[in-house]
Amino acid sequence: MNRACARPACGHAAAATFVYDYQARTTWLDPLARERHPMAYDLCVAHADALTVPQGWRLVDRRGGAGLGGALAS
């Protein structure tokens, strides 16, 4: 079964999963997880590529060659 993007009103298929840690102020963007997890959010390619984090947080894109790639800080 395909999973849908977690963004409201988006019906596209999920292609990436993100998790975050408040204490570390870090968000990790990974390839789509094999199984849904209650502490993770699935995004389509467009929303994964557009993902931003609050000022002072770090976004680590671990999708490999897809999307932004590498670690980004905002």
PDB file of N, CA and C in Angstrom:
ATOM      1  N   MET A   1       0.837  -1.187   0.000  1.00  0.00           N
ATOM      2  CA  MET A   1       0.000   0.000   0.000  1.00  0.00           C
ATOM      3  C   MET A   1       0.876   1.242   0.000  1.00  0.00           C
ATOM      4  N   ASN A   2       0.600   2.156  -0.886  1.00  0.00           N
ATOM      5  CA  ASN A   2       1.353   3.409  -0.931  1.00  0.00           C
ATOM      6  C   ASN A   2       0.882   4.342   0.168  1.00  0.00           C
ATOM      7  N   ARG A   3       1.812   5.097   0.722  1.00  0.00           N
ATOM      8  CA  ARG A   3       1.459   6.086   1.734  1.00  0.00           C
ATOM      9  C   ARG A   3       1.413   7.453   1.076  1.00  0.00           C
ATOM     10  N   ALA A   4       0.539   8.307   1.574  1.00  0.00           N
ATOM     11  CA  ALA A   4       0.387   9.651   1.036  1.00  0.00           C
ATOM     12  C   ALA A   4       1.219  10.643   1.827  1.00  0.00           C
ATOM     13  N   CYS A   5       1.507  11.761   1.211  1.00  0.00           N
ATOM     14  CA  CYS A   5       2.201  12.872   1.864  1.00  0.00           C
ATOM     15  C   CYS A   5       1.386  13.326   3.077  1.00  0.00           C
ATOM     16  N   ALA A   6       2.071  13.660   4.165  1.00  0.00           N
ATOM     17  CA  ALA A   6       1.412  14.087   5.401  1.00  0.00           C
ATOM     18  C   ALA A   6       0.918  15.527   5.355  1.00  0.00           C
ATOM     19  N   ARG A   7       1.320  16.288   4.353  1.00  0.00           N
ATOM     20  CA  ARG A   7       0.879  17.680   4.270  1.00  0.00           C
ATOM     21  C   ARG A   7      -0.607  17.741   3.936  1.00  0.00           C
ATOM     22  N   PRO A   8      -1.355  18.599   4.642  1.00  0.00           N
ATOM     23  CA  PRO A   8      -2.792  18.699   4.385  1.00  0.00           C
ATOM     24  C   PRO A   8      -3.074  19.036   2.912  1.00  0.00           C
ATOM     25  N   ALA A   9      -4.092  18.418   2.377  1.00  0.00           N
ATOM     26  CA  ALA A   9      -4.576  18.639   1.007  1.00  0.00           C
ATOM     27  C   ALA A   9      -3.609  18.165  -0.076  1.00  0.00           C
ATOM     28  N   CYS A  10      -2.550  17.467   0.296  1.00  0.00           N
ATOM     29  CA  CYS A  10      -1.625  16.929  -0.703  1.00  0.00           C
ATOM     30  C   CYS A  10      -1.947  15.450  -0.874  1.00  0.00           C
ATOM     31  N   GLY A  11      -2.253  15.058  -2.083  1.00  0.00           N
ATOM     32  CA  GLY A  11      -2.593  13.680  -2.336  1.00  0.00           C
ATOM     33  C   GLY A  11      -1.488  12.898  -3.013  1.00  0.00           C
ATOM     34  N   HIS A  12      -0.302  13.487  -3.135  1.00  0.00           N
ATOM     35  CA  HIS A  12       0.803  12.808  -3.811  1.00  0.00           C
ATOM     36  C   HIS A  12       1.387  11.694  -2.939  1.00  0.00           C
ATOM     37  N   ALA A  13       2.013  10.745  -3.593  1.00  0.00           N
ATOM     38  CA  ALA A  13       2.633   9.624  -2.892  1.00  0.00           C
ATOM     39  C   ALA A  13       3.836  10.095  -2.082  1.00  0.00           C
ATOM     40  N   ALA A  14       3.997   9.537  -0.911  1.00  0.00           N
ATOM     41  CA  ALA A  14       5.145   9.877  -0.067  1.00  0.00           C
ATOM     42  C   ALA A  14       6.429   9.326  -0.690  1.00  0.00           C
ATOM     43  N   ALA A  15       7.510  10.105  -0.553  1.00  0.00           N
ATOM     44  CA  ALA A  15       8.803   9.702  -1.105  1.00  0.00           C
ATOM     45  C   ALA A  15       9.927   9.863  -0.089  1.00  0.00           C
ATOM     46  N   ALA A  16       9.644  10.498   1.035  1.00  0.00           N
ATOM     47  CA  ALA A  16      10.665  10.741   2.056  1.00  0.00           C
ATOM     48  C   ALA A  16       9.994  10.733   3.425  1.00  0.00           C
ATOM     49  N   THR A  17      10.785  10.484   4.459  1.00  0.00           N
ATOM     50  CA  THR A  17      10.304  10.491   5.830  1.00  0.00           C
ATOM     51  C   THR A  17      11.191  11.416   6.647  1.00  0.00           C
ATOM     52  N   PHE A  18      10.554  12.257   7.488  1.00  0.00           N
ATOM     53  CA  PHE A  18      11.384  13.080   8.366  1.00  0.00           C
ATOM     54  C   PHE A  18      11.019  12.867   9.825  1.00  0.00           C
ATOM     55  N   VAL A  19      12.054  12.995  10.653  1.00  0.00           N
ATOM     56  CA  VAL A  19      11.930  12.937  12.108  1.00  0.00           C
ATOM     57  C   VAL A  19      12.702  14.113  12.671  1.00  0.00           C
ATOM     58  N   TYR A  20      12.426  14.447  13.912  1.00  0.00           N
ATOM     59  CA  TYR A  20      13.131  15.583  14.517  1.00  0.00           C
ATOM     60  C   TYR A  20      13.378  15.335  15.991  1.00  0.00           C
ATOM     61  N   ASP A  21      14.331  16.080  16.525  1.00  0.00           N
ATOM     62  CA  ASP A  21      14.704  16.012  17.935  1.00  0.00           C
ATOM     63  C   ASP A  21      14.755  17.433  18.466  1.00  0.00           C
ATOM     64  N   TYR A  22      13.792  17.780  19.326  1.00  0.00           N
ATOM     65  CA  TYR A  22      13.738  19.137  19.870  1.00  0.00           C
ATOM     66  C   TYR A  22      15.018  19.508  20.615  1.00  0.00           C
ATOM     67  N   GLN A  23      15.506  18.604  21.454  1.00  0.00           N
ATOM     68  CA  GLN A  23      16.682  18.912  22.264  1.00  0.00           C
ATOM     69  C   GLN A  23      17.904  19.189  21.396  1.00  0.00           C
ATOM     70  N   ALA A  24      18.087  18.402  20.354  1.00  0.00           N
ATOM     71  CA  ALA A  24      19.230  18.583  19.455  1.00  0.00           C
ATOM     72  C   ALA A  24      18.969  19.659  18.402  1.00  0.00           C
ATOM     73  N   ARG A  25      17.724  20.129  18.310  1.00  0.00           N
ATOM     74  CA  ARG A  25      17.321  21.122  17.303  1.00  0.00           C
ATOM     75  C   ARG A  25      17.749  20.662  15.902  1.00  0.00           C
ATOM     76  N   THR A  26      17.435  19.407  15.613  1.00  0.00           N
ATOM     77  CA  THR A  26      17.831  18.802  14.341  1.00  0.00           C
ATOM     78  C   THR A  26      16.646  18.064  13.737  1.00  0.00           C
ATOM     79  N   THR A  27      16.521  18.176  12.417  1.00  0.00           N
ATOM     80  CA  THR A  27      15.538  17.427  11.646  1.00  0.00           C
ATOM     81  C   THR A  27      16.290  16.586  10.632  1.00  0.00           C
ATOM     82  N   TRP A  28      15.927  15.299  10.539  1.00  0.00           N
ATOM     83  CA  TRP A  28      16.557  14.402   9.577  1.00  0.00           C
ATOM     84  C   TRP A  28      15.539  14.050   8.511  1.00  0.00           C
ATOM     85  N   LEU A  29      15.942  14.188   7.266  1.00  0.00           N
ATOM     86  CA  LEU A  29      15.100  13.851   6.123  1.00  0.00           C
ATOM     87  C   LEU A  29      15.714  12.632   5.448  1.00  0.00           C
ATOM     88  N   ASP A  30      14.976  11.528   5.459  1.00  0.00           N
ATOM     89  CA  ASP A  30      15.478  10.245   4.977  1.00  0.00           C
ATOM     90  C   ASP A  30      14.659   9.748   3.789  1.00  0.00           C
ATOM     91  N   PRO A  31      15.195   8.759   3.061  1.00  0.00           N
ATOM     92  CA  PRO A  31      14.344   8.087   2.072  1.00  0.00           C
ATOM     93  C   PRO A  31      13.112   7.535   2.792  1.00  0.00           C
ATOM     94  N   LEU A  32      12.061   7.282   2.075  1.00  0.00           N
ATOM     95  CA  LEU A  32      10.818   6.799   2.673  1.00  0.00           C
ATOM     96  C   LEU A  32      11.080   5.543   3.512  1.00  0.00           C
ATOM     97  N   ALA A  33      10.659   5.594   4.751  1.00  0.00           N
ATOM     98  CA  ALA A  33      10.812   4.450   5.658  1.00  0.00           C
ATOM     99  C   ALA A  33       9.959   3.286   5.162  1.00  0.00           C
ATOM    100  N   ARG A  34      10.404   2.078   5.425  1.00  0.00           N
ATOM    101  CA  ARG A  34       9.665   0.891   4.974  1.00  0.00           C
ATOM    102  C   ARG A  34       8.286   0.811   5.606  1.00  0.00           C
ATOM    103  N   GLU A  35       8.190   1.239   6.873  1.00  0.00           N
ATOM    104  CA  GLU A  35       6.913   1.186   7.588  1.00  0.00           C
ATOM    105  C   GLU A  35       6.612   2.532   8.221  1.00  0.00           C
ATOM    106  N   ARG A  36       5.344   2.824   8.342  1.00  0.00           N
ATOM    107  CA  ARG A  36       4.908   4.058   8.993  1.00  0.00           C
ATOM    108  C   ARG A  36       5.258   3.988  10.475  1.00  0.00           C
ATOM    109  N   HIS A  37       5.675   5.125  11.038  1.00  0.00           N
ATOM    110  CA  HIS A  37       6.005   5.203  12.466  1.00  0.00           C
ATOM    111  C   HIS A  37       5.286   6.421  13.038  1.00  0.00           C
ATOM    112  N   PRO A  38       4.716   6.323  14.244  1.00  0.00           N
ATOM    113  CA  PRO A  38       3.950   7.448  14.801  1.00  0.00           C
ATOM    114  C   PRO A  38       4.781   8.694  15.104  1.00  0.00           C
ATOM    115  N   MET A  39       6.104   8.566  15.179  1.00  0.00           N
ATOM    116  CA  MET A  39       6.953   9.728  15.473  1.00  0.00           C
ATOM    117  C   MET A  39       7.649  10.273  14.220  1.00  0.00           C
ATOM    118  N   ALA A  40       7.211   9.823  13.050  1.00  0.00           N
ATOM    119  CA  ALA A  40       7.823  10.256  11.796  1.00  0.00           C
ATOM    120  C   ALA A  40       6.726  10.738  10.847  1.00  0.00           C
ATOM    121  N   TYR A  41       7.123  11.564   9.897  1.00  0.00           N
ATOM    122  CA  TYR A  41       6.181  12.135   8.946  1.00  0.00           C
ATOM    123  C   TYR A  41       6.668  11.860   7.530  1.00  0.00           C
ATOM    124  N   ASP A  42       5.758  11.428   6.680  1.00  0.00           N
ATOM    125  CA  ASP A  42       6.085  11.134   5.288  1.00  0.00           C
ATOM    126  C   ASP A  42       5.740  12.332   4.412  1.00  0.00           C
ATOM    127  N   LEU A  43       6.596  12.620   3.440  1.00  0.00           N
ATOM    128  CA  LEU A  43       6.384  13.743   2.522  1.00  0.00           C
ATOM    129  C   LEU A  43       6.575  13.297   1.086  1.00  0.00           C
ATOM    130  N   CYS A  44       5.875  13.961   0.163  1.00  0.00           N
ATOM    131  CA  CYS A  44       6.113  13.755  -1.265  1.00  0.00           C
ATOM    132  C   CYS A  44       7.421  14.458  -1.640  1.00  0.00           C
ATOM    133  N   VAL A  45       7.885  14.244  -2.853  1.00  0.00           N
ATOM    134  CA  VAL A  45       9.147  14.849  -3.298  1.00  0.00           C
ATOM    135  C   VAL A  45       9.095  16.371  -3.191  1.00  0.00           C
ATOM    136  N   ALA A  46       8.022  16.984  -3.669  1.00  0.00           N
ATOM    137  CA  ALA A  46       7.931  18.451  -3.662  1.00  0.00           C
ATOM    138  C   ALA A  46       7.996  19.013  -2.245  1.00  0.00           C
ATOM    139  N   HIS A  47       7.254  18.419  -1.312  1.00  0.00           N
ATOM    140  CA  HIS A  47       7.271  18.925   0.061  1.00  0.00           C
ATOM    141  C   HIS A  47       8.580  18.592   0.775  1.00  0.00           C
ATOM    142  N   ALA A  48       9.187  17.457   0.456  1.00  0.00           N
ATOM    143  CA  ALA A  48      10.490  17.128   1.042  1.00  0.00           C
ATOM    144  C   ALA A  48      11.550  18.129   0.560  1.00  0.00           C
ATOM    145  N   ASP A  49      11.535  18.445  -0.737  1.00  0.00           N
ATOM    146  CA  ASP A  49      12.512  19.398  -1.277  1.00  0.00           C
ATOM    147  C   ASP A  49      12.312  20.803  -0.722  1.00  0.00           C
ATOM    148  N   ALA A  50      11.082  21.134  -0.331  1.00  0.00           N
ATOM    149  CA  ALA A  50      10.776  22.475   0.171  1.00  0.00           C
ATOM    150  C   ALA A  50      10.836  22.560   1.702  1.00  0.00           C
ATOM    151  N   LEU A  51      11.161  21.462   2.365  1.00  0.00           N
ATOM    152  CA  LEU A  51      11.158  21.439   3.824  1.00  0.00           C
ATOM    153  C   LEU A  51      12.160  22.444   4.397  1.00  0.00           C
ATOM    154  N   THR A  52      11.691  23.247   5.335  1.00  0.00           N
ATOM    155  CA  THR A  52      12.561  24.171   6.059  1.00  0.00           C
ATOM    156  C   THR A  52      12.392  23.910   7.550  1.00  0.00           C
ATOM    157  N   VAL A  53      13.367  24.351   8.320  1.00  0.00           N
ATOM    158  CA  VAL A  53      13.320  24.172   9.768  1.00  0.00           C
ATOM    159  C   VAL A  53      13.411  25.534  10.436  1.00  0.00           C
ATOM    160  N   PRO A  54      13.003  25.625  11.697  1.00  0.00           N
ATOM    161  CA  PRO A  54      13.068  26.912  12.393  1.00  0.00           C
ATOM    162  C   PRO A  54      14.498  27.444  12.478  1.00  0.00           C
ATOM    163  N   GLN A  55      14.609  28.750  12.610  1.00  0.00           N
ATOM    164  CA  GLN A  55      15.928  29.369  12.763  1.00  0.00           C
ATOM    165  C   GLN A  55      16.628  28.766  13.973  1.00  0.00           C
ATOM    166  N   GLY A  56      17.888  28.439  13.797  1.00  0.00           N
ATOM    167  CA  GLY A  56      18.667  27.826  14.860  1.00  0.00           C
ATOM    168  C   GLY A  56      18.650  26.299  14.826  1.00  0.00           C
ATOM    169  N   TRP A  57      17.806  25.729  13.977  1.00  0.00           N
ATOM    170  CA  TRP A  57      17.754  24.283  13.805  1.00  0.00           C
ATOM    171  C   TRP A  57      18.629  23.878  12.635  1.00  0.00           C
ATOM    172  N   ARG A  58      18.917  22.592  12.559  1.00  0.00           N
ATOM    173  CA  ARG A  58      19.722  22.032  11.478  1.00  0.00           C
ATOM    174  C   ARG A  58      18.876  21.001  10.739  1.00  0.00           C
ATOM    175  N   LEU A  59      18.929  21.054   9.413  1.00  0.00           N
ATOM    176  CA  LEU A  59      18.266  20.069   8.570  1.00  0.00           C
ATOM    177  C   LEU A  59      19.334  19.179   7.956  1.00  0.00           C
ATOM    178  N   VAL A  60      19.233  17.883   8.193  1.00  0.00           N
ATOM    179  CA  VAL A  60      20.184  16.923   7.632  1.00  0.00           C
ATOM    180  C   VAL A  60      19.416  16.076   6.617  1.00  0.00           C
ATOM    181  N   ASP A  61      19.740  16.265   5.352  1.00  0.00           N
ATOM    182  CA  ASP A  61      19.075  15.544   4.266  1.00  0.00           C
ATOM    183  C   ASP A  61      19.894  14.297   3.957  1.00  0.00           C
ATOM    184  N   ARG A  62      19.353  13.147   4.321  1.00  0.00           N
ATOM    185  CA  ARG A  62      20.073  11.885   4.141  1.00  0.00           C
ATOM    186  C   ARG A  62      19.472  11.042   3.014  1.00  0.00           C
ATOM    187  N   ARG A  63      18.845  11.714   2.050  1.00  0.00           N
ATOM    188  CA  ARG A  63      18.221  11.000   0.939  1.00  0.00           C
ATOM    189  C   ARG A  63      19.207  10.594  -0.136  1.00  0.00           C
ATOM    190  N   GLY A  64      20.467  10.846   0.045  1.00  0.00           N
ATOM    191  CA  GLY A  64      21.452  10.490  -0.982  1.00  0.00           C
ATOM    192  C   GLY A  64      21.491  11.542  -2.063  1.00  0.00           C
ATOM    193  N   GLY A  65      21.362  11.150  -3.326  1.00  0.00           N
ATOM    194  CA  GLY A  65      21.440  12.083  -4.431  1.00  0.00           C
ATOM    195  C   GLY A  65      20.160  12.864  -4.674  1.00  0.00           C
ATOM    196  N   ALA A  66      19.092  12.532  -3.991  1.00  0.00           N
ATOM    197  CA  ALA A  66      17.805  13.202  -4.220  1.00  0.00           C
ATOM    198  C   ALA A  66      17.729  14.523  -3.476  1.00  0.00           C
ATOM    199  N   GLY A  67      16.962  15.418  -3.996  1.00  0.00           N
ATOM    200  CA  GLY A  67      16.644  16.662  -3.300  1.00  0.00           C
ATOM    201  C   GLY A  67      17.857  17.527  -3.022  1.00  0.00           C
ATOM    202  N   LEU A  68      17.841  18.154  -1.843  1.00  0.00           N
ATOM    203  CA  LEU A  68      18.845  19.148  -1.484  1.00  0.00           C
ATOM    204  C   LEU A  68      20.216  18.534  -1.241  1.00  0.00           C
ATOM    205  N   GLY A  69      20.250  17.366  -0.606  1.00  0.00           N
ATOM    206  CA  GLY A  69      21.510  16.689  -0.319  1.00  0.00           C
ATOM    207  C   GLY A  69      22.363  17.411   0.713  1.00  0.00           C
ATOM    208  N   GLY A  70      22.986  16.653   1.583  1.00  0.00           N
ATOM    209  CA  GLY A  70      23.904  17.227   2.562  1.00  0.00           C
ATOM    210  C   GLY A  70      23.201  17.849   3.745  1.00  0.00           C
ATOM    211  N   ALA A  71      23.981  18.448   4.617  1.00  0.00           N
ATOM    212  CA  ALA A  71      23.455  19.085   5.816  1.00  0.00           C
ATOM    213  C   ALA A  71      23.278  20.567   5.566  1.00  0.00           C
ATOM    214  N   LEU A  72      22.128  21.077   5.984  1.00  0.00           N
ATOM    215  CA  LEU A  72      21.830  22.488   5.798  1.00  0.00           C
ATOM    216  C   LEU A  72      21.505  23.098   7.157  1.00  0.00           C
ATOM    217  N   ALA A  73      21.864  24.328   7.337  1.00  0.00           N
ATOM    218  CA  ALA A  73      21.510  25.034   8.561  1.00  0.00           C
ATOM    219  C   ALA A  73      20.666  26.226   8.172  1.00  0.00           C
ATOM    220  N   SER A  74      19.760  26.609   9.051  1.00  0.00           N
ATOM    221  CA  SER A  74      18.965  27.789   8.757  1.00  0.00           C
ATOM    222  C   SER A  74      19.073  28.772   9.885  1.00  0.00           C
TER     223      SER A  74
END
